[in-house]
Amino acid sequence: MRISARADYAVRAAAELASADHDGPVRAETLAKAQDIPHRFLEGILADLRRDGLVTSQRGAGGGYTLSRPADRITLADVVRAVDGPLVFVRGTRPSDLEFRGAAAPLLHVWVALRASVRAVLEDVTLADLASGTLPESVRLLTVDDAAWENA
């Protein structure tokens, strides 16, 4: 599974918005600089987040972006879906809409299980978790095993 640059940048920018270091709207340039994200690319991402109702924007000298609801009510899954759509696709199709025959029939259960696993992590972590640096125990435990850090 790949996490797109768009999803990575969106989560990082949203986490920056959730951080307590900012009072009021944050300019896109500030977010881009803080997270080393190309500014023009970030503008498109912020537009997607705004369209999906995760951020609001304010124009003018004191303008910028803010989260549209508390950071503890926005999950990483919300952010990823806003910029990339459904979390897991197989050949452009949701796993639950697929059908396999013969020896490959059990593969459907593998793809659905993969989607459930991705959801279990991304729907459990909020922007508040990232901003505070404290991940849920269920997610933290997945990283304790050295094998989780190995390139495979």
N, C-alpha and C. Protein backbone atom coordinates (compact mmCIF):
# COMPACT_ATOMS: atom_id res chain seq x y z
N MET A 1 0.84 -1.18 0.00
CA MET A 1 0.00 0.00 0.00
C MET A 1 0.88 1.24 0.00
N ARG A 2 0.50 2.21 -0.78
CA ARG A 2 1.24 3.46 -0.85
C ARG A 2 0.41 4.61 -0.28
N ILE A 3 1.08 5.48 0.43
CA ILE A 3 0.46 6.72 0.89
C ILE A 3 0.92 7.78 -0.10
N SER A 4 0.00 8.44 -0.75
CA SER A 4 0.37 9.44 -1.76
C SER A 4 1.01 10.66 -1.09
N ALA A 5 1.79 11.39 -1.88
CA ALA A 5 2.36 12.64 -1.38
C ALA A 5 1.24 13.59 -0.97
N ARG A 6 0.17 13.57 -1.73
CA ARG A 6 -0.97 14.43 -1.44
C ARG A 6 -1.55 14.12 -0.05
N ALA A 7 -1.72 12.83 0.26
CA ALA A 7 -2.25 12.44 1.57
C ALA A 7 -1.26 12.78 2.68
N ASP A 8 0.02 12.50 2.45
CA ASP A 8 1.05 12.81 3.44
C ASP A 8 1.07 14.30 3.74
N TYR A 9 1.10 15.11 2.70
CA TYR A 9 1.12 16.57 2.88
C TYR A 9 -0.15 17.06 3.57
N ALA A 10 -1.30 16.49 3.21
CA ALA A 10 -2.57 16.92 3.81
C ALA A 10 -2.58 16.64 5.31
N VAL A 11 -2.13 15.46 5.70
CA VAL A 11 -2.11 15.12 7.12
C VAL A 11 -1.13 16.02 7.87
N ARG A 12 0.04 16.25 7.27
CA ARG A 12 1.03 17.11 7.93
C ARG A 12 0.53 18.54 8.08
N ALA A 13 -0.10 19.09 7.06
CA ALA A 13 -0.63 20.45 7.13
C ALA A 13 -1.76 20.52 8.15
N ALA A 14 -2.64 19.52 8.17
CA ALA A 14 -3.74 19.51 9.13
C ALA A 14 -3.22 19.38 10.56
N ALA A 15 -2.18 18.58 10.76
CA ALA A 15 -1.57 18.46 12.09
C ALA A 15 -0.99 19.79 12.52
N GLU A 16 -0.39 20.49 11.58
CA GLU A 16 0.16 21.82 11.89
C GLU A 16 -0.96 22.77 12.31
N LEU A 17 -2.09 22.71 11.62
CA LEU A 17 -3.24 23.54 12.00
C LEU A 17 -3.75 23.17 13.40
N ALA A 18 -3.65 21.90 13.74
CA ALA A 18 -4.13 21.43 15.04
C ALA A 18 -3.20 21.79 16.19
N SER A 19 -1.97 22.14 15.87
CA SER A 19 -1.01 22.42 16.94
C SER A 19 -1.39 23.69 17.70
N ALA A 20 -1.02 23.73 18.95
CA ALA A 20 -1.38 24.85 19.82
C ALA A 20 -0.54 26.09 19.56
N ASP A 21 0.45 26.00 18.66
CA ASP A 21 1.34 27.14 18.41
C ASP A 21 0.66 28.27 17.64
N HIS A 22 -0.51 28.02 17.08
CA HIS A 22 -1.16 29.01 16.23
C HIS A 22 -2.41 29.56 16.88
N ASP A 23 -2.52 30.88 16.88
CA ASP A 23 -3.74 31.55 17.34
C ASP A 23 -4.41 32.16 16.12
N GLY A 24 -5.60 31.70 15.79
CA GLY A 24 -6.31 32.22 14.64
C GLY A 24 -5.89 31.54 13.35
N PRO A 25 -6.35 32.08 12.23
CA PRO A 25 -6.06 31.47 10.92
C PRO A 25 -4.56 31.43 10.62
N VAL A 26 -4.16 30.37 9.93
CA VAL A 26 -2.76 30.19 9.56
C VAL A 26 -2.65 30.28 8.04
N ARG A 27 -1.73 31.08 7.59
CA ARG A 27 -1.54 31.27 6.14
C ARG A 27 -0.96 30.00 5.52
N ALA A 28 -1.33 29.75 4.28
CA ALA A 28 -0.82 28.57 3.57
C ALA A 28 0.70 28.60 3.49
N GLU A 29 1.28 29.78 3.31
CA GLU A 29 2.74 29.90 3.24
C GLU A 29 3.38 29.44 4.54
N THR A 30 2.75 29.76 5.67
CA THR A 30 3.27 29.35 6.97
C THR A 30 3.23 27.83 7.12
N LEU A 31 2.12 27.23 6.71
CA LEU A 31 1.99 25.76 6.76
C LEU A 31 3.02 25.10 5.85
N ALA A 32 3.15 25.64 4.64
CA ALA A 32 4.09 25.08 3.67
C ALA A 32 5.52 25.12 4.21
N LYS A 33 5.88 26.24 4.78
CA LYS A 33 7.23 26.39 5.31
C LYS A 33 7.46 25.48 6.53
N ALA A 34 6.49 25.41 7.42
CA ALA A 34 6.63 24.62 8.64
C ALA A 34 6.80 23.13 8.34
N GLN A 35 6.18 22.66 7.26
CA GLN A 35 6.21 21.22 6.95
C GLN A 35 6.98 20.91 5.67
N ASP A 36 7.65 21.90 5.11
CA ASP A 36 8.44 21.71 3.89
C ASP A 36 7.60 21.08 2.78
N ILE A 37 6.47 21.73 2.51
CA ILE A 37 5.53 21.29 1.47
C ILE A 37 5.54 22.35 0.37
N PRO A 38 5.60 21.95 -0.89
CA PRO A 38 5.53 22.94 -1.97
C PRO A 38 4.23 23.75 -1.86
N HIS A 39 4.38 25.07 -1.82
CA HIS A 39 3.25 25.96 -1.56
C HIS A 39 2.10 25.78 -2.55
N ARG A 40 2.39 25.74 -3.84
CA ARG A 40 1.33 25.63 -4.85
C ARG A 40 0.60 24.29 -4.72
N PHE A 41 1.32 23.24 -4.41
CA PHE A 41 0.71 21.93 -4.21
C PHE A 41 -0.20 21.97 -2.98
N LEU A 42 0.27 22.63 -1.93
CA LEU A 42 -0.51 22.73 -0.69
C LEU A 42 -1.80 23.50 -0.91
N GLU A 43 -1.79 24.52 -1.73
CA GLU A 43 -3.02 25.29 -2.00
C GLU A 43 -4.12 24.38 -2.53
N GLY A 44 -3.78 23.47 -3.44
CA GLY A 44 -4.77 22.53 -3.96
C GLY A 44 -5.27 21.58 -2.89
N ILE A 45 -4.38 21.13 -2.04
CA ILE A 45 -4.74 20.23 -0.94
C ILE A 45 -5.69 20.95 0.03
N LEU A 46 -5.36 22.18 0.37
CA LEU A 46 -6.21 22.94 1.29
C LEU A 46 -7.59 23.18 0.68
N ALA A 47 -7.66 23.35 -0.63
CA ALA A 47 -8.95 23.51 -1.30
C ALA A 47 -9.78 22.23 -1.15
N ASP A 48 -9.14 21.07 -1.29
CA ASP A 48 -9.84 19.79 -1.10
C ASP A 48 -10.32 19.66 0.34
N LEU A 49 -9.50 20.02 1.30
CA LEU A 49 -9.87 19.93 2.71
C LEU A 49 -11.04 20.88 3.02
N ARG A 50 -11.02 22.04 2.38
CA ARG A 50 -12.11 23.01 2.57
C ARG A 50 -13.41 22.48 1.95
N ARG A 51 -13.32 21.93 0.74
CA ARG A 51 -14.49 21.36 0.07
C ARG A 51 -15.11 20.22 0.89
N ASP A 52 -14.26 19.46 1.57
CA ASP A 52 -14.75 18.34 2.37
C ASP A 52 -15.18 18.77 3.78
N GLY A 53 -15.06 20.05 4.08
CA GLY A 53 -15.53 20.57 5.36
C GLY A 53 -14.59 20.36 6.53
N LEU A 54 -13.32 20.08 6.24
CA LEU A 54 -12.36 19.86 7.33
C LEU A 54 -11.66 21.14 7.76
N VAL A 55 -11.51 22.08 6.83
CA VAL A 55 -10.92 23.38 7.17
C VAL A 55 -11.83 24.48 6.65
N THR A 56 -11.67 25.65 7.24
CA THR A 56 -12.32 26.85 6.74
C THR A 56 -11.23 27.83 6.35
N SER A 57 -11.56 28.71 5.43
CA SER A 57 -10.57 29.70 5.02
C SER A 57 -11.14 31.09 5.23
N GLN A 58 -10.23 32.01 5.48
CA GLN A 58 -10.60 33.41 5.69
C GLN A 58 -9.68 34.26 4.83
N ARG A 59 -10.24 35.14 4.05
CA ARG A 59 -9.43 36.00 3.19
C ARG A 59 -9.01 37.25 3.94
N GLY A 60 -8.05 37.93 3.37
CA GLY A 60 -7.64 39.21 3.92
C GLY A 60 -6.31 39.13 4.65
N ALA A 61 -5.92 40.28 5.21
CA ALA A 61 -4.62 40.41 5.86
C ALA A 61 -4.46 39.43 7.02
N GLY A 62 -5.50 39.21 7.78
CA GLY A 62 -5.42 38.28 8.91
C GLY A 62 -5.97 36.91 8.56
N GLY A 63 -6.06 36.66 7.27
CA GLY A 63 -6.68 35.42 6.80
C GLY A 63 -5.77 34.22 6.85
N GLY A 64 -6.34 33.12 6.46
CA GLY A 64 -5.62 31.86 6.44
C GLY A 64 -6.60 30.72 6.64
N TYR A 65 -6.12 29.63 7.20
CA TYR A 65 -6.92 28.42 7.36
C TYR A 65 -7.02 28.03 8.83
N THR A 66 -8.16 27.48 9.19
CA THR A 66 -8.37 26.91 10.51
C THR A 66 -9.12 25.58 10.34
N LEU A 67 -9.01 24.73 11.33
CA LEU A 67 -9.80 23.50 11.32
C LEU A 67 -11.27 23.87 11.52
N SER A 68 -12.16 23.16 10.88
CA SER A 68 -13.57 23.48 10.97
C SER A 68 -14.25 22.88 12.20
N ARG A 69 -13.58 21.95 12.85
CA ARG A 69 -14.09 21.37 14.09
C ARG A 69 -12.88 21.02 14.97
N PRO A 70 -13.12 20.68 16.22
CA PRO A 70 -11.99 20.38 17.11
C PRO A 70 -11.10 19.26 16.55
N ALA A 71 -9.81 19.39 16.79
CA ALA A 71 -8.83 18.44 16.26
C ALA A 71 -9.07 17.02 16.76
N ASP A 72 -9.69 16.86 17.90
CA ASP A 72 -9.95 15.52 18.40
C ASP A 72 -11.16 14.87 17.73
N ARG A 73 -11.80 15.61 16.82
CA ARG A 73 -12.93 15.08 16.06
C ARG A 73 -12.62 14.93 14.57
N ILE A 74 -11.34 15.07 14.23
CA ILE A 74 -10.91 14.86 12.84
C ILE A 74 -9.87 13.76 12.83
N THR A 75 -10.18 12.65 12.18
CA THR A 75 -9.24 11.54 12.11
C THR A 75 -8.35 11.65 10.88
N LEU A 76 -7.26 10.89 10.92
CA LEU A 76 -6.39 10.85 9.74
C LEU A 76 -7.15 10.28 8.55
N ALA A 77 -8.06 9.34 8.81
CA ALA A 77 -8.88 8.79 7.73
C ALA A 77 -9.70 9.89 7.07
N ASP A 78 -10.25 10.82 7.85
CA ASP A 78 -11.02 11.93 7.28
C ASP A 78 -10.17 12.73 6.31
N VAL A 79 -8.95 13.02 6.72
CA VAL A 79 -8.05 13.84 5.91
C VAL A 79 -7.65 13.11 4.64
N VAL A 80 -7.25 11.85 4.77
CA VAL A 80 -6.82 11.07 3.60
C VAL A 80 -7.98 10.93 2.61
N ARG A 81 -9.16 10.63 3.10
CA ARG A 81 -10.32 10.49 2.21
C ARG A 81 -10.62 11.80 1.48
N ALA A 82 -10.43 12.93 2.16
CA ALA A 82 -10.72 14.23 1.54
C ALA A 82 -9.84 14.50 0.32
N VAL A 83 -8.60 14.02 0.36
CA VAL A 83 -7.69 14.33 -0.75
C VAL A 83 -7.49 13.17 -1.72
N ASP A 84 -7.71 11.93 -1.25
CA ASP A 84 -7.44 10.76 -2.10
C ASP A 84 -8.66 9.86 -2.33
N GLY A 85 -9.76 10.10 -1.65
CA GLY A 85 -10.91 9.22 -1.78
C GLY A 85 -10.80 8.04 -0.84
N PRO A 86 -11.51 6.95 -1.14
CA PRO A 86 -11.50 5.78 -0.25
C PRO A 86 -10.09 5.30 0.08
N LEU A 87 -9.94 4.72 1.26
CA LEU A 87 -8.62 4.37 1.78
C LEU A 87 -7.94 3.24 1.01
N VAL A 88 -8.69 2.23 0.60
CA VAL A 88 -8.09 1.10 -0.10
C VAL A 88 -8.90 0.80 -1.36
N PHE A 89 -8.20 0.77 -2.48
CA PHE A 89 -8.77 0.42 -3.77
C PHE A 89 -7.96 -0.72 -4.36
N VAL A 90 -8.59 -1.56 -5.12
CA VAL A 90 -7.91 -2.60 -5.89
C VAL A 90 -8.28 -2.35 -7.34
N ARG A 91 -7.31 -1.97 -8.14
CA ARG A 91 -7.54 -1.65 -9.54
C ARG A 91 -8.66 -0.61 -9.70
N GLY A 92 -8.71 0.35 -8.82
CA GLY A 92 -9.71 1.42 -8.91
C GLY A 92 -11.08 1.05 -8.39
N THR A 93 -11.22 -0.08 -7.71
CA THR A 93 -12.50 -0.56 -7.21
C THR A 93 -12.40 -0.82 -5.71
N ARG A 94 -13.47 -0.52 -4.99
CA ARG A 94 -13.51 -0.84 -3.56
C ARG A 94 -13.47 -2.35 -3.39
N PRO A 95 -12.71 -2.85 -2.43
CA PRO A 95 -12.61 -4.30 -2.25
C PRO A 95 -13.97 -5.00 -2.12
N SER A 96 -14.90 -4.37 -1.44
CA SER A 96 -16.20 -5.01 -1.24
C SER A 96 -17.01 -5.15 -2.53
N ASP A 97 -16.61 -4.45 -3.59
CA ASP A 97 -17.30 -4.54 -4.87
C ASP A 97 -16.65 -5.52 -5.83
N LEU A 98 -15.60 -6.19 -5.39
CA LEU A 98 -14.88 -7.14 -6.25
C LEU A 98 -15.46 -8.54 -6.15
N GLU A 99 -15.10 -9.35 -7.12
CA GLU A 99 -15.48 -10.76 -7.10
C GLU A 99 -14.35 -11.54 -7.74
N PHE A 100 -13.90 -12.60 -7.05
CA PHE A 100 -12.84 -13.46 -7.58
C PHE A 100 -13.37 -14.88 -7.65
N ARG A 101 -12.83 -15.64 -8.57
CA ARG A 101 -13.27 -17.03 -8.75
C ARG A 101 -12.11 -17.99 -8.53
N GLY A 102 -12.47 -19.22 -8.34
CA GLY A 102 -11.47 -20.29 -8.27
C GLY A 102 -10.51 -20.11 -7.13
N ALA A 103 -9.24 -20.39 -7.40
CA ALA A 103 -8.20 -20.34 -6.37
C ALA A 103 -8.02 -18.94 -5.80
N ALA A 104 -8.41 -17.93 -6.54
CA ALA A 104 -8.25 -16.54 -6.07
C ALA A 104 -9.44 -16.07 -5.24
N ALA A 105 -10.49 -16.86 -5.10
CA ALA A 105 -11.69 -16.43 -4.36
C ALA A 105 -11.38 -15.91 -2.95
N PRO A 106 -10.50 -16.57 -2.18
CA PRO A 106 -10.21 -16.06 -0.83
C PRO A 106 -9.49 -14.70 -0.82
N LEU A 107 -8.96 -14.29 -1.96
CA LEU A 107 -8.26 -13.02 -2.04
C LEU A 107 -9.18 -11.85 -1.68
N LEU A 108 -10.45 -11.97 -1.98
CA LEU A 108 -11.40 -10.92 -1.62
C LEU A 108 -11.35 -10.64 -0.13
N HIS A 109 -11.26 -11.69 0.67
CA HIS A 109 -11.19 -11.52 2.13
C HIS A 109 -9.89 -10.85 2.55
N VAL A 110 -8.82 -11.11 1.83
CA VAL A 110 -7.54 -10.46 2.13
C VAL A 110 -7.65 -8.96 1.89
N TRP A 111 -8.21 -8.56 0.74
CA TRP A 111 -8.32 -7.13 0.43
C TRP A 111 -9.26 -6.42 1.41
N VAL A 112 -10.35 -7.08 1.78
CA VAL A 112 -11.27 -6.48 2.74
C VAL A 112 -10.60 -6.37 4.11
N ALA A 113 -9.84 -7.39 4.50
CA ALA A 113 -9.10 -7.34 5.78
C ALA A 113 -8.06 -6.23 5.77
N LEU A 114 -7.40 -6.04 4.63
CA LEU A 114 -6.43 -4.95 4.51
C LEU A 114 -7.13 -3.61 4.73
N ARG A 115 -8.27 -3.43 4.07
CA ARG A 115 -9.01 -2.17 4.24
C ARG A 115 -9.42 -2.00 5.70
N ALA A 116 -9.87 -3.05 6.35
CA ALA A 116 -10.27 -2.97 7.76
C ALA A 116 -9.07 -2.60 8.64
N SER A 117 -7.91 -3.14 8.33
CA SER A 117 -6.70 -2.83 9.11
C SER A 117 -6.29 -1.37 8.94
N VAL A 118 -6.33 -0.89 7.71
CA VAL A 118 -5.99 0.52 7.45
C VAL A 118 -6.97 1.42 8.18
N ARG A 119 -8.24 1.09 8.08
CA ARG A 119 -9.26 1.88 8.79
C ARG A 119 -9.00 1.88 10.30
N ALA A 120 -8.66 0.71 10.84
CA ALA A 120 -8.46 0.60 12.28
C ALA A 120 -7.39 1.56 12.78
N VAL A 121 -6.37 1.79 11.99
CA VAL A 121 -5.32 2.72 12.38
C VAL A 121 -5.73 4.15 12.08
N LEU A 122 -6.09 4.44 10.83
CA LEU A 122 -6.34 5.83 10.44
C LEU A 122 -7.59 6.43 11.07
N GLU A 123 -8.56 5.60 11.44
CA GLU A 123 -9.75 6.12 12.10
C GLU A 123 -9.57 6.23 13.61
N ASP A 124 -8.48 5.68 14.12
CA ASP A 124 -8.21 5.74 15.56
C ASP A 124 -7.32 6.93 15.92
N VAL A 125 -6.58 7.45 14.97
CA VAL A 125 -5.66 8.56 15.24
C VAL A 125 -6.32 9.87 14.80
N THR A 126 -6.32 10.84 15.70
CA THR A 126 -6.89 12.16 15.39
C THR A 126 -5.78 13.18 15.20
N LEU A 127 -6.18 14.32 14.67
CA LEU A 127 -5.21 15.41 14.55
C LEU A 127 -4.73 15.88 15.92
N ALA A 128 -5.59 15.79 16.91
CA ALA A 128 -5.19 16.16 18.28
C ALA A 128 -4.10 15.22 18.78
N ASP A 129 -4.21 13.93 18.41
CA ASP A 129 -3.16 12.97 18.80
C ASP A 129 -1.82 13.38 18.22
N LEU A 130 -1.82 13.74 16.93
CA LEU A 130 -0.57 14.15 16.30
C LEU A 130 -0.03 15.42 16.94
N ALA A 131 -0.91 16.39 17.12
CA ALA A 131 -0.48 17.68 17.68
C ALA A 131 0.09 17.54 19.09
N SER A 132 -0.45 16.58 19.84
CA SER A 132 0.02 16.39 21.22
C SER A 132 1.22 15.44 21.28
N GLY A 133 1.46 14.71 20.20
CA GLY A 133 2.56 13.75 20.19
C GLY A 133 2.24 12.46 20.91
N THR A 134 0.96 12.23 21.20
CA THR A 134 0.54 11.05 21.93
C THR A 134 -0.40 10.22 21.05
N LEU A 135 0.11 9.10 20.55
CA LEU A 135 -0.71 8.23 19.71
C LEU A 135 -1.51 7.26 20.57
N PRO A 136 -2.66 6.80 20.07
CA PRO A 136 -3.43 5.78 20.81
C PRO A 136 -2.57 4.54 21.05
N GLU A 137 -2.80 3.90 22.18
CA GLU A 137 -2.02 2.72 22.55
C GLU A 137 -2.10 1.64 21.48
N SER A 138 -3.26 1.45 20.87
CA SER A 138 -3.41 0.41 19.84
C SER A 138 -2.47 0.65 18.67
N VAL A 139 -2.24 1.90 18.33
CA VAL A 139 -1.35 2.24 17.21
C VAL A 139 0.10 2.15 17.67
N ARG A 140 0.38 2.67 18.85
CA ARG A 140 1.75 2.62 19.37
C ARG A 140 2.25 1.19 19.48
N LEU A 141 1.39 0.28 19.92
CA LEU A 141 1.79 -1.12 20.07
C LEU A 141 2.18 -1.77 18.74
N LEU A 142 1.59 -1.30 17.65
CA LEU A 142 1.94 -1.84 16.33
C LEU A 142 3.37 -1.49 15.92
N THR A 143 3.96 -0.49 16.56
CA THR A 143 5.32 -0.05 16.20
C THR A 143 6.39 -0.56 17.15
N VAL A 144 6.00 -1.29 18.18
CA VAL A 144 6.96 -1.76 19.18
C VAL A 144 7.87 -2.86 18.62
N ASP A 145 7.33 -3.73 17.83
CA ASP A 145 8.09 -4.84 17.25
C ASP A 145 9.10 -4.31 16.24
N ASP A 146 10.36 -4.73 16.36
CA ASP A 146 11.41 -4.29 15.43
C ASP A 146 11.06 -4.63 13.98
N ALA A 147 10.33 -5.71 13.77
CA ALA A 147 9.96 -6.11 12.41
C ALA A 147 9.08 -5.05 11.72
N ALA A 148 8.35 -4.28 12.50
CA ALA A 148 7.51 -3.22 11.92
C ALA A 148 8.37 -2.15 11.24
N TRP A 149 9.60 -2.00 11.66
CA TRP A 149 10.47 -0.96 11.12
C TRP A 149 11.35 -1.44 9.98
N GLU A 150 11.33 -2.74 9.71
CA GLU A 150 12.17 -3.30 8.64
C GLU A 150 11.59 -3.00 7.27
N ASN A 151 12.45 -2.75 6.33
CA ASN A 151 12.02 -2.54 4.94
C ASN A 151 11.66 -3.88 4.34
N ALA A 152 10.46 -3.95 3.84
CA ALA A 152 10.02 -5.22 3.22
C ALA A 152 9.26 -4.93 1.95
